[in-house]
PDB file of N, CA and C in Angstrom:
ATOM      1  N   MET A   1     -30.037 -47.220 -34.855  1.00  0.00           N
ATOM      2  CA  MET A   1     -30.047 -46.522 -33.583  1.00  0.00           C
ATOM      3  C   MET A   1     -31.505 -46.287 -33.170  1.00  0.00           C
ATOM      4  N   ASN A   2     -31.785 -46.483 -31.870  1.00  0.00           N
ATOM      5  CA  ASN A   2     -33.133 -46.354 -31.338  1.00  0.00           C
ATOM      6  C   ASN A   2     -33.328 -44.956 -30.745  1.00  0.00           C
ATOM      7  N   SER A   3     -34.097 -44.126 -31.426  1.00  0.00           N
ATOM      8  CA  SER A   3     -34.317 -42.763 -30.919  1.00  0.00           C
ATOM      9  C   SER A   3     -35.258 -42.755 -29.716  1.00  0.00           C
ATOM     10  N   GLU A   4     -36.082 -43.778 -29.548  1.00  0.00           N
ATOM     11  CA  GLU A   4     -36.994 -43.834 -28.396  1.00  0.00           C
ATOM     12  C   GLU A   4     -36.215 -43.869 -27.082  1.00  0.00           C
ATOM     13  N   ASN A   5     -35.109 -44.604 -27.060  1.00  0.00           N
ATOM     14  CA  ASN A   5     -34.288 -44.665 -25.855  1.00  0.00           C
ATOM     15  C   ASN A   5     -33.708 -43.283 -25.536  1.00  0.00           C
ATOM     16  N   THR A   6     -33.254 -42.582 -26.547  1.00  0.00           N
ATOM     17  CA  THR A   6     -32.703 -41.240 -26.343  1.00  0.00           C
ATOM     18  C   THR A   6     -33.791 -40.291 -25.851  1.00  0.00           C
ATOM     19  N   LYS A   7     -34.974 -40.386 -26.448  1.00  0.00           N
ATOM     20  CA  LYS A   7     -36.087 -39.531 -26.008  1.00  0.00           C
ATOM     21  C   LYS A   7     -36.447 -39.822 -24.560  1.00  0.00           C
ATOM     22  N   ALA A   8     -36.465 -41.094 -24.183  1.00  0.00           N
ATOM     23  CA  ALA A   8     -36.794 -41.474 -22.800  1.00  0.00           C
ATOM     24  C   ALA A   8     -35.768 -40.910 -21.827  1.00  0.00           C
ATOM     25  N   GLN A   9     -34.499 -40.959 -22.198  1.00  0.00           N
ATOM     26  CA  GLN A   9     -33.443 -40.414 -21.334  1.00  0.00           C
ATOM     27  C   GLN A   9     -33.577 -38.903 -21.194  1.00  0.00           C
ATOM     28  N   MET A  10     -33.945 -38.222 -22.284  1.00  0.00           N
ATOM     29  CA  MET A  10     -34.138 -36.771 -22.226  1.00  0.00           C
ATOM     30  C   MET A  10     -35.293 -36.424 -21.287  1.00  0.00           C
ATOM     31  N   ARG A  11     -36.401 -37.183 -21.384  1.00  0.00           N
ATOM     32  CA  ARG A  11     -37.557 -36.933 -20.517  1.00  0.00           C
ATOM     33  C   ARG A  11     -37.186 -37.159 -19.059  1.00  0.00           C
ATOM     34  N   LYS A  12     -36.447 -38.249 -18.816  1.00  0.00           N
ATOM     35  CA  LYS A  12     -36.041 -38.591 -17.460  1.00  0.00           C
ATOM     36  C   LYS A  12     -35.216 -37.467 -16.838  1.00  0.00           C
ATOM     37  N   GLY A  13     -34.394 -36.836 -17.656  1.00  0.00           N
ATOM     38  CA  GLY A  13     -33.515 -35.768 -17.173  1.00  0.00           C
ATOM     39  C   GLY A  13     -34.255 -34.523 -16.716  1.00  0.00           C
ATOM     40  N   VAL A  14     -35.424 -34.285 -17.274  1.00  0.00           N
ATOM     41  CA  VAL A  14     -36.162 -33.072 -16.912  1.00  0.00           C
ATOM     42  C   VAL A  14     -37.343 -33.355 -15.991  1.00  0.00           C
ATOM     43  N   LEU A  15     -37.542 -34.590 -15.636  1.00  0.00           N
ATOM     44  CA  LEU A  15     -38.692 -34.970 -14.817  1.00  0.00           C
ATOM     45  C   LEU A  15     -38.709 -34.279 -13.454  1.00  0.00           C
ATOM     46  N   GLU A  16     -37.552 -34.243 -12.807  1.00  0.00           N
ATOM     47  CA  GLU A  16     -37.461 -33.590 -11.500  1.00  0.00           C
ATOM     48  C   GLU A  16     -37.869 -32.120 -11.601  1.00  0.00           C
ATOM     49  N   LEU A  17     -37.381 -31.434 -12.612  1.00  0.00           N
ATOM     50  CA  LEU A  17     -37.736 -30.030 -12.830  1.00  0.00           C
ATOM     51  C   LEU A  17     -39.247 -29.893 -13.038  1.00  0.00           C
ATOM     52  N   CYS A  18     -39.821 -30.769 -13.834  1.00  0.00           N
ATOM     53  CA  CYS A  18     -41.256 -30.698 -14.123  1.00  0.00           C
ATOM     54  C   CYS A  18     -42.099 -30.951 -12.874  1.00  0.00           C
ATOM     55  N   ILE A  19     -41.724 -31.920 -12.082  1.00  0.00           N
ATOM     56  CA  ILE A  19     -42.487 -32.230 -10.864  1.00  0.00           C
ATOM     57  C   ILE A  19     -42.402 -31.067  -9.870  1.00  0.00           C
ATOM     58  N   LEU A  20     -41.210 -30.543  -9.685  1.00  0.00           N
ATOM     59  CA  LEU A  20     -41.065 -29.402  -8.774  1.00  0.00           C
ATOM     60  C   LEU A  20     -41.851 -28.200  -9.293  1.00  0.00           C
ATOM     61  N   SER A  21     -41.878 -28.015 -10.601  1.00  0.00           N
ATOM     62  CA  SER A  21     -42.639 -26.901 -11.189  1.00  0.00           C
ATOM     63  C   SER A  21     -44.130 -27.078 -10.959  1.00  0.00           C
ATOM     64  N   ILE A  22     -44.625 -28.292 -11.118  1.00  0.00           N
ATOM     65  CA  ILE A  22     -46.049 -28.565 -10.862  1.00  0.00           C
ATOM     66  C   ILE A  22     -46.374 -28.238  -9.412  1.00  0.00           C
ATOM     67  N   LEU A  23     -45.520 -28.674  -8.497  1.00  0.00           N
ATOM     68  CA  LEU A  23     -45.782 -28.451  -7.076  1.00  0.00           C
ATOM     69  C   LEU A  23     -45.585 -26.994  -6.664  1.00  0.00           C
ATOM     70  N   SER A  24     -44.883 -26.217  -7.479  1.00  0.00           N
ATOM     71  CA  SER A  24     -44.726 -24.782  -7.166  1.00  0.00           C
ATOM     72  C   SER A  24     -46.042 -24.040  -7.378  1.00  0.00           C
ATOM     73  N   LYS A  25     -46.960 -24.659  -8.106  1.00  0.00           N
ATOM     74  CA  LYS A  25     -48.266 -24.032  -8.362  1.00  0.00           C
ATOM     75  C   LYS A  25     -49.318 -24.474  -7.342  1.00  0.00           C
ATOM     76  N   GLY A  26     -48.939 -25.396  -6.455  1.00  0.00           N
ATOM     77  CA  GLY A  26     -49.868 -25.844  -5.429  1.00  0.00           C
ATOM     78  C   GLY A  26     -49.637 -27.300  -5.078  1.00  0.00           C
ATOM     79  N   ASP A  27     -50.128 -27.685  -3.911  1.00  0.00           N
ATOM     80  CA  ASP A  27     -49.975 -29.066  -3.456  1.00  0.00           C
ATOM     81  C   ASP A  27     -50.696 -30.008  -4.421  1.00  0.00           C
ATOM     82  N   ALA A  28     -50.176 -31.212  -4.542  1.00  0.00           N
ATOM     83  CA  ALA A  28     -50.798 -32.199  -5.437  1.00  0.00           C
ATOM     84  C   ALA A  28     -50.482 -33.602  -4.944  1.00  0.00           C
ATOM     85  N   TYR A  29     -51.383 -34.531  -5.252  1.00  0.00           N
ATOM     86  CA  TYR A  29     -51.118 -35.930  -4.933  1.00  0.00           C
ATOM     87  C   TYR A  29     -50.630 -36.632  -6.197  1.00  0.00           C
ATOM     88  N   PRO A  30     -49.991 -37.781  -6.068  1.00  0.00           N
ATOM     89  CA  PRO A  30     -49.319 -38.399  -7.219  1.00  0.00           C
ATOM     90  C   PRO A  30     -50.175 -38.553  -8.477  1.00  0.00           C
ATOM     91  N   THR A  31     -51.434 -38.949  -8.331  1.00  0.00           N
ATOM     92  CA  THR A  31     -52.265 -39.116  -9.532  1.00  0.00           C
ATOM     93  C   THR A  31     -52.442 -37.780 -10.257  1.00  0.00           C
ATOM     94  N   GLU A  32     -52.580 -36.702  -9.506  1.00  0.00           N
ATOM     95  CA  GLU A  32     -52.688 -35.372 -10.131  1.00  0.00           C
ATOM     96  C   GLU A  32     -51.406 -35.028 -10.887  1.00  0.00           C
ATOM     97  N   ILE A  33     -50.275 -35.329 -10.275  1.00  0.00           N
ATOM     98  CA  ILE A  33     -48.991 -35.040 -10.919  1.00  0.00           C
ATOM     99  C   ILE A  33     -48.881 -35.810 -12.229  1.00  0.00           C
ATOM    100  N   ILE A  34     -49.246 -37.094 -12.188  1.00  0.00           N
ATOM    101  CA  ILE A  34     -49.199 -37.920 -13.400  1.00  0.00           C
ATOM    102  C   ILE A  34     -50.118 -37.338 -14.478  1.00  0.00           C
ATOM    103  N   GLU A  35     -51.327 -36.913 -14.096  1.00  0.00           N
ATOM    104  CA  GLU A  35     -52.271 -36.338 -15.067  1.00  0.00           C
ATOM    105  C   GLU A  35     -51.736 -35.047 -15.667  1.00  0.00           C
ATOM    106  N   ARG A  36     -51.163 -34.203 -14.830  1.00  0.00           N
ATOM    107  CA  ARG A  36     -50.621 -32.930 -15.347  1.00  0.00           C
ATOM    108  C   ARG A  36     -49.469 -33.177 -16.310  1.00  0.00           C
ATOM    109  N   LEU A  37     -48.641 -34.154 -15.988  1.00  0.00           N
ATOM    110  CA  LEU A  37     -47.542 -34.490 -16.902  1.00  0.00           C
ATOM    111  C   LEU A  37     -48.088 -35.070 -18.201  1.00  0.00           C
ATOM    112  N   LYS A  38     -49.108 -35.914 -18.080  1.00  0.00           N
ATOM    113  CA  LYS A  38     -49.720 -36.527 -19.260  1.00  0.00           C
ATOM    114  C   LYS A  38     -50.322 -35.460 -20.173  1.00  0.00           C
ATOM    115  N   ASP A  39     -50.905 -34.423 -19.567  1.00  0.00           N
ATOM    116  CA  ASP A  39     -51.477 -33.322 -20.354  1.00  0.00           C
ATOM    117  C   ASP A  39     -50.428 -32.636 -21.226  1.00  0.00           C
ATOM    118  N   THR A  40     -49.168 -32.683 -20.794  1.00  0.00           N
ATOM    119  CA  THR A  40     -48.094 -32.055 -21.565  1.00  0.00           C
ATOM    120  C   THR A  40     -47.310 -33.088 -22.385  1.00  0.00           C
ATOM    121  N   LYS A  41     -47.857 -34.305 -22.463  1.00  0.00           N
ATOM    122  CA  LYS A  41     -47.260 -35.407 -23.224  1.00  0.00           C
ATOM    123  C   LYS A  41     -45.992 -35.963 -22.587  1.00  0.00           C
ATOM    124  N   LEU A  42     -45.803 -35.708 -21.291  1.00  0.00           N
ATOM    125  CA  LEU A  42     -44.717 -36.341 -20.547  1.00  0.00           C
ATOM    126  C   LEU A  42     -45.334 -37.511 -19.780  1.00  0.00           C
ATOM    127  N   VAL A  43     -45.370 -38.646 -20.413  1.00  0.00           N
ATOM    128  CA  VAL A  43     -45.999 -39.822 -19.815  1.00  0.00           C
ATOM    129  C   VAL A  43     -45.058 -40.439 -18.791  1.00  0.00           C
ATOM    130  N   ILE A  44     -45.592 -40.683 -17.599  1.00  0.00           N
ATOM    131  CA  ILE A  44     -44.813 -41.261 -16.508  1.00  0.00           C
ATOM    132  C   ILE A  44     -45.702 -42.260 -15.782  1.00  0.00           C
ATOM    133  N   VAL A  45     -45.108 -43.317 -15.304  1.00  0.00           N
ATOM    134  CA  VAL A  45     -45.867 -44.324 -14.570  1.00  0.00           C
ATOM    135  C   VAL A  45     -45.592 -44.173 -13.075  1.00  0.00           C
ATOM    136  N   GLU A  46     -46.491 -44.737 -12.259  1.00  0.00           N
ATOM    137  CA  GLU A  46     -46.339 -44.621 -10.808  1.00  0.00           C
ATOM    138  C   GLU A  46     -45.008 -45.180 -10.322  1.00  0.00           C
ATOM    139  N   GLY A  47     -44.552 -46.254 -10.968  1.00  0.00           N
ATOM    140  CA  GLY A  47     -43.292 -46.880 -10.575  1.00  0.00           C
ATOM    141  C   GLY A  47     -42.085 -45.977 -10.765  1.00  0.00           C
ATOM    142  N   THR A  48     -42.223 -44.972 -11.572  1.00  0.00           N
ATOM    143  CA  THR A  48     -41.152 -43.981 -11.752  1.00  0.00           C
ATOM    144  C   THR A  48     -41.368 -42.805 -10.810  1.00  0.00           C
ATOM    145  N   LEU A  49     -42.627 -42.397 -10.662  1.00  0.00           N
ATOM    146  CA  LEU A  49     -42.928 -41.202  -9.869  1.00  0.00           C
ATOM    147  C   LEU A  49     -42.684 -41.401  -8.372  1.00  0.00           C
ATOM    148  N   TYR A  50     -43.176 -42.502  -7.810  1.00  0.00           N
ATOM    149  CA  TYR A  50     -43.084 -42.670  -6.355  1.00  0.00           C
ATOM    150  C   TYR A  50     -41.645 -42.673  -5.829  1.00  0.00           C
ATOM    151  N   PRO A  51     -40.720 -43.387  -6.451  1.00  0.00           N
ATOM    152  CA  PRO A  51     -39.336 -43.310  -5.954  1.00  0.00           C
ATOM    153  C   PRO A  51     -38.739 -41.906  -6.067  1.00  0.00           C
ATOM    154  N   LEU A  52     -39.121 -41.196  -7.129  1.00  0.00           N
ATOM    155  CA  LEU A  52     -38.613 -39.830  -7.292  1.00  0.00           C
ATOM    156  C   LEU A  52     -39.178 -38.913  -6.205  1.00  0.00           C
ATOM    157  N   LEU A  53     -40.487 -39.034  -5.923  1.00  0.00           N
ATOM    158  CA  LEU A  53     -41.084 -38.225  -4.853  1.00  0.00           C
ATOM    159  C   LEU A  53     -40.436 -38.537  -3.507  1.00  0.00           C
ATOM    160  N   THR A  54     -40.183 -39.821  -3.254  1.00  0.00           N
ATOM    161  CA  THR A  54     -39.535 -40.208  -1.994  1.00  0.00           C
ATOM    162  C   THR A  54     -38.132 -39.613  -1.904  1.00  0.00           C
ATOM    163  N   ARG A  55     -37.396 -39.682  -2.998  1.00  0.00           N
ATOM    164  CA  ARG A  55     -36.034 -39.113  -2.997  1.00  0.00           C
ATOM    165  C   ARG A  55     -36.078 -37.600  -2.757  1.00  0.00           C
ATOM    166  N   LEU A  56     -37.006 -36.902  -3.412  1.00  0.00           N
ATOM    167  CA  LEU A  56     -37.116 -35.452  -3.236  1.00  0.00           C
ATOM    168  C   LEU A  56     -37.539 -35.105  -1.804  1.00  0.00           C
ATOM    169  N   LYS A  57     -38.398 -35.948  -1.226  1.00  0.00           N
ATOM    170  CA  LYS A  57     -38.814 -35.726   0.171  1.00  0.00           C
ATOM    171  C   LYS A  57     -37.640 -35.979   1.118  1.00  0.00           C
ATOM    172  N   ASN A  58     -36.895 -37.044   0.871  1.00  0.00           N
ATOM    173  CA  ASN A  58     -35.767 -37.383   1.747  1.00  0.00           C
ATOM    174  C   ASN A  58     -34.642 -36.365   1.688  1.00  0.00           C
ATOM    175  N   THR A  59     -34.556 -35.626   0.589  1.00  0.00           N
ATOM    176  CA  THR A  59     -33.513 -34.589   0.491  1.00  0.00           C
ATOM    177  C   THR A  59     -34.023 -33.234   0.987  1.00  0.00           C
ATOM    178  N   GLY A  60     -35.253 -33.211   1.487  1.00  0.00           N
ATOM    179  CA  GLY A  60     -35.782 -31.982   2.072  1.00  0.00           C
ATOM    180  C   GLY A  60     -36.421 -31.019   1.089  1.00  0.00           C
ATOM    181  N   LEU A  61     -36.567 -31.433  -0.156  1.00  0.00           N
ATOM    182  CA  LEU A  61     -37.145 -30.535  -1.164  1.00  0.00           C
ATOM    183  C   LEU A  61     -38.664 -30.557  -1.132  1.00  0.00           C
ATOM    184  N   LEU A  62     -39.236 -31.666  -0.655  1.00  0.00           N
ATOM    185  CA  LEU A  62     -40.687 -31.811  -0.581  1.00  0.00           C
ATOM    186  C   LEU A  62     -41.091 -32.234   0.827  1.00  0.00           C
ATOM    187  N   ALA A  63     -42.341 -31.929   1.156  1.00  0.00           N
ATOM    188  CA  ALA A  63     -42.974 -32.438   2.369  1.00  0.00           C
ATOM    189  C   ALA A  63     -44.333 -32.978   1.933  1.00  0.00           C
ATOM    190  N   TYR A  64     -44.980 -33.744   2.799  1.00  0.00           N
ATOM    191  CA  TYR A  64     -46.311 -34.234   2.442  1.00  0.00           C
ATOM    192  C   TYR A  64     -47.229 -34.255   3.650  1.00  0.00           C
ATOM    193  N   ARG A  65     -48.509 -34.355   3.356  1.00  0.00           N
ATOM    194  CA  ARG A  65     -49.517 -34.513   4.392  1.00  0.00           C
ATOM    195  C   ARG A  65     -50.570 -35.473   3.861  1.00  0.00           C
ATOM    196  N   TRP A  66     -51.223 -36.174   4.767  1.00  0.00           N
ATOM    197  CA  TRP A  66     -52.317 -37.056   4.372  1.00  0.00           C
ATOM    198  C   TRP A  66     -53.614 -36.278   4.447  1.00  0.00           C
ATOM    199  N   GLU A  67     -54.490 -36.511   3.478  1.00  0.00           N
ATOM    200  CA  GLU A  67     -55.787 -35.839   3.461  1.00  0.00           C
ATOM    201  C   GLU A  67     -56.853 -36.847   3.084  1.00  0.00           C
ATOM    202  N   GLU A  68     -57.959 -36.835   3.840  1.00  0.00           N
ATOM    203  CA  GLU A  68     -59.071 -37.737   3.527  1.00  0.00           C
ATOM    204  C   GLU A  68     -59.645 -37.403   2.162  1.00  0.00           C
ATOM    205  N   SER A  69     -60.130 -38.439   1.472  1.00  0.00           N
ATOM    206  CA  SER A  69     -60.726 -38.259   0.159  1.00  0.00           C
ATOM    207  C   SER A  69     -62.169 -38.757   0.190  1.00  0.00           C
ATOM    208  N   ASN A  70     -63.059 -38.067  -0.516  1.00  0.00           N
ATOM    209  CA  ASN A  70     -64.459 -38.505  -0.601  1.00  0.00           C
ATOM    210  C   ASN A  70     -64.624 -39.684  -1.548  1.00  0.00           C
ATOM    211  N   SER A  71     -63.614 -39.917  -2.377  1.00  0.00           N
ATOM    212  CA  SER A  71     -63.754 -40.959  -3.407  1.00  0.00           C
ATOM    213  C   SER A  71     -62.757 -42.097  -3.252  1.00  0.00           C
ATOM    214  N   GLY A  72     -62.322 -42.380  -2.026  1.00  0.00           N
ATOM    215  CA  GLY A  72     -61.399 -43.492  -1.862  1.00  0.00           C
ATOM    216  C   GLY A  72     -60.539 -43.325  -0.631  1.00  0.00           C
ATOM    217  N   PRO A  73     -59.393 -43.982  -0.626  1.00  0.00           N
ATOM    218  CA  PRO A  73     -58.500 -43.910   0.538  1.00  0.00           C
ATOM    219  C   PRO A  73     -57.884 -42.516   0.685  1.00  0.00           C
ATOM    220  N   PRO A  74     -57.316 -42.223   1.853  1.00  0.00           N
ATOM    221  CA  PRO A  74     -56.649 -40.919   2.042  1.00  0.00           C
ATOM    222  C   PRO A  74     -55.560 -40.704   0.987  1.00  0.00           C
ATOM    223  N   ARG A  75     -55.363 -39.443   0.650  1.00  0.00           N
ATOM    224  CA  ARG A  75     -54.365 -39.099  -0.372  1.00  0.00           C
ATOM    225  C   ARG A  75     -53.172 -38.397   0.267  1.00  0.00           C
ATOM    226  N   LYS A  76     -52.017 -38.684  -0.289  1.00  0.00           N
ATOM    227  CA  LYS A  76     -50.787 -38.071   0.192  1.00  0.00           C
ATOM    228  C   LYS A  76     -50.504 -36.862  -0.714  1.00  0.00           C
ATOM    229  N   TYR A  77     -50.650 -35.667  -0.153  1.00  0.00           N
ATOM    230  CA  TYR A  77     -50.402 -34.437  -0.910  1.00  0.00           C
ATOM    231  C   TYR A  77     -48.972 -33.964  -0.676  1.00  0.00           C
ATOM    232  N   TYR A  78     -48.270 -33.724  -1.779  1.00  0.00           N
ATOM    233  CA  TYR A  78     -46.898 -33.236  -1.701  1.00  0.00           C
ATOM    234  C   TYR A  78     -46.871 -31.734  -1.903  1.00  0.00           C
ATOM    235  N   LYS A  79     -45.896 -31.096  -1.261  1.00  0.00           N
ATOM    236  CA  LYS A  79     -45.706 -29.655  -1.460  1.00  0.00           C
ATOM    237  C   LYS A  79     -44.219 -29.337  -1.414  1.00  0.00           C
ATOM    238  N   LEU A  80     -43.872 -28.208  -2.016  1.00  0.00           N
ATOM    239  CA  LEU A  80     -42.482 -27.754  -2.002  1.00  0.00           C
ATOM    240  C   LEU A  80     -42.147 -27.180  -0.630  1.00  0.00           C
ATOM    241  N   THR A  81     -40.957 -27.446  -0.147  1.00  0.00           N
ATOM    242  CA  THR A  81     -40.464 -26.797   1.061  1.00  0.00           C
ATOM    243  C   THR A  81     -39.741 -25.519   0.622  1.00  0.00           C
ATOM    244  N   GLU A  82     -39.289 -24.744   1.581  1.00  0.00           N
ATOM    245  CA  GLU A  82     -38.503 -23.544   1.247  1.00  0.00           C
ATOM    246  C   GLU A  82     -37.242 -23.928   0.488  1.00  0.00           C
ATOM    247  N   ILE A  83     -36.599 -24.998   0.935  1.00  0.00           N
ATOM    248  CA  ILE A  83     -35.387 -25.479   0.248  1.00  0.00           C
ATOM    249  C   ILE A  83     -35.751 -25.908  -1.173  1.00  0.00           C
ATOM    250  N   GLY A  84     -36.912 -26.542  -1.320  1.00  0.00           N
ATOM    251  CA  GLY A  84     -37.372 -26.968  -2.644  1.00  0.00           C
ATOM    252  C   GLY A  84     -37.625 -25.795  -3.570  1.00  0.00           C
ATOM    253  N   GLU A  85     -38.163 -24.708  -3.033  1.00  0.00           N
ATOM    254  CA  GLU A  85     -38.401 -23.518  -3.854  1.00  0.00           C
ATOM    255  C   GLU A  85     -37.085 -22.931  -4.352  1.00  0.00           C
ATOM    256  N   GLN A  86     -36.096 -22.869  -3.467  1.00  0.00           N
ATOM    257  CA  GLN A  86     -34.780 -22.358  -3.866  1.00  0.00           C
ATOM    258  C   GLN A  86     -34.144 -23.251  -4.927  1.00  0.00           C
ATOM    259  N   TYR A  87     -34.246 -24.560  -4.691  1.00  0.00           N
ATOM    260  CA  TYR A  87     -33.669 -25.534  -5.628  1.00  0.00           C
ATOM    261  C   TYR A  87     -34.340 -25.420  -6.989  1.00  0.00           C
ATOM    262  N   LEU A  88     -35.664 -25.250  -7.003  1.00  0.00           N
ATOM    263  CA  LEU A  88     -36.390 -25.101  -8.259  1.00  0.00           C
ATOM    264  C   LEU A  88     -35.905 -23.868  -9.015  1.00  0.00           C
ATOM    265  N   LYS A  89     -35.694 -22.774  -8.323  1.00  0.00           N
ATOM    266  CA  LYS A  89     -35.203 -21.557  -8.986  1.00  0.00           C
ATOM    267  C   LYS A  89     -33.856 -21.831  -9.657  1.00  0.00           C
ATOM    268  N   GLU A  90     -32.977 -22.557  -8.960  1.00  0.00           N
ATOM    269  CA  GLU A  90     -31.662 -22.893  -9.536  1.00  0.00           C
ATOM    270  C   GLU A  90     -31.830 -23.775 -10.773  1.00  0.00           C
ATOM    271  N   LEU A  91     -32.738 -24.760 -10.683  1.00  0.00           N
ATOM    272  CA  LEU A  91     -32.967 -25.639 -11.836  1.00  0.00           C
ATOM    273  C   LEU A  91     -33.528 -24.874 -13.026  1.00  0.00           C
ATOM    274  N   GLN A  92     -34.427 -23.925 -12.748  1.00  0.00           N
ATOM    275  CA  GLN A  92     -35.017 -23.137 -13.832  1.00  0.00           C
ATOM    276  C   GLN A  92     -33.957 -22.306 -14.548  1.00  0.00           C
ATOM    277  N   VAL A  93     -33.030 -21.735 -13.791  1.00  0.00           N
ATOM    278  CA  VAL A  93     -31.942 -20.962 -14.403  1.00  0.00           C
ATOM    279  C   VAL A  93     -31.083 -21.886 -15.267  1.00  0.00           C
ATOM    280  N   SER A  94     -30.735 -23.047 -14.717  1.00  0.00           N
ATOM    281  CA  SER A  94     -29.918 -24.013 -15.465  1.00  0.00           C
ATOM    282  C   SER A  94     -30.640 -24.484 -16.712  1.00  0.00           C
ATOM    283  N   TRP A  95     -31.952 -24.738 -16.579  1.00  0.00           N
ATOM    284  CA  TRP A  95     -32.738 -25.197 -17.721  1.00  0.00           C
ATOM    285  C   TRP A  95     -32.737 -24.136 -18.833  1.00  0.00           C
ATOM    286  N   ASN A  96     -32.967 -22.886 -18.461  1.00  0.00           N
ATOM    287  CA  ASN A  96     -32.989 -21.818 -19.463  1.00  0.00           C
ATOM    288  C   ASN A  96     -31.635 -21.680 -20.159  1.00  0.00           C
ATOM    289  N   GLU A  97     -30.559 -21.813 -19.404  1.00  0.00           N
ATOM    290  CA  GLU A  97     -29.219 -21.747 -20.001  1.00  0.00           C
ATOM    291  C   GLU A  97     -29.003 -22.923 -20.953  1.00  0.00           C
ATOM    292  N   LEU A  98     -29.454 -24.116 -20.543  1.00  0.00           N
ATOM    293  CA  LEU A  98     -29.292 -25.302 -21.378  1.00  0.00           C
ATOM    294  C   LEU A  98     -30.097 -25.183 -22.679  1.00  0.00           C
ATOM    295  N   VAL A  99     -31.339 -24.752 -22.559  1.00  0.00           N
ATOM    296  CA  VAL A  99     -32.185 -24.588 -23.748  1.00  0.00           C
ATOM    297  C   VAL A  99     -31.547 -23.585 -24.708  1.00  0.00           C
ATOM    298  N   HIS A 100     -31.069 -22.482 -24.165  1.00  0.00           N
ATOM    299  CA  HIS A 100     -30.429 -21.462 -24.994  1.00  0.00           C
ATOM    300  C   HIS A 100     -29.196 -22.035 -25.697  1.00  0.00           C
ATOM    301  N   ALA A 101     -28.375 -22.759 -24.958  1.00  0.00           N
ATOM    302  CA  ALA A 101     -27.152 -23.334 -25.534  1.00  0.00           C
ATOM    303  C   ALA A 101     -27.475 -24.363 -26.617  1.00  0.00           C
ATOM    304  N   VAL A 102     -28.478 -25.209 -26.368  1.00  0.00           N
ATOM    305  CA  VAL A 102     -28.838 -26.235 -27.351  1.00  0.00           C
ATOM    306  C   VAL A 102     -29.415 -25.587 -28.608  1.00  0.00           C
ATOM    307  N   GLU A 103     -30.314 -24.624 -28.416  1.00  0.00           N
ATOM    308  CA  GLU A 103     -30.896 -23.943 -29.580  1.00  0.00           C
ATOM    309  C   GLU A 103     -29.820 -23.257 -30.408  1.00  0.00           C
ATOM    310  N   LYS A 104     -28.883 -22.637 -29.723  1.00  0.00           N
ATOM    311  CA  LYS A 104     -27.786 -21.952 -30.412  1.00  0.00           C
ATOM    312  C   LYS A 104     -26.938 -22.962 -31.187  1.00  0.00           C
ATOM    313  N   THR A 105     -26.736 -24.124 -30.603  1.00  0.00           N
ATOM    314  CA  THR A 105     -25.915 -25.156 -31.231  1.00  0.00           C
ATOM    315  C   THR A 105     -26.608 -25.768 -32.440  1.00  0.00           C
ATOM    316  N   ILE A 106     -27.884 -26.127 -32.296  1.00  0.00           N
ATOM    317  CA  ILE A 106     -28.542 -26.832 -33.401  1.00  0.00           C
ATOM    318  C   ILE A 106     -28.995 -25.886 -34.511  1.00  0.00           C
ATOM    319  N   ASN A 107     -29.100 -24.610 -34.227  1.00  0.00           N
ATOM    320  CA  ASN A 107     -29.504 -23.651 -35.258  1.00  0.00           C
ATOM    321  C   ASN A 107     -28.329 -22.943 -35.905  1.00  0.00           C
ATOM    322  N   LYS A 108     -27.122 -23.314 -35.531  1.00  0.00           N
ATOM    323  CA  LYS A 108     -25.925 -22.674 -36.071  1.00  0.00           C
ATOM    324  C   LYS A 108     -25.618 -23.179 -37.452  1.00  0.00           C
TER     325      LYS A 108
END
């Protein structure tokens, strides 16, 4: 059995929560999001992040703006909308319940 596949699926399941949490602390552009995730050992590639950001934007959870950059092309900064903030709160409650249930199960 390949545990790497299971680990990848677990990471994928919490990615949306992590991205929304990062954006709850302030606007960020995709490279910043990738770096912040990498700092916590959640490695993600652009090919995974961009479709997820687009989906979150299309569902009204995120908005974006273009901003000029001194070191290259303009950057697309994402931010949470009001709906996104509410959704994040719901995800955080669900996450805490899930963590509690799993810990209770595996430590029993």
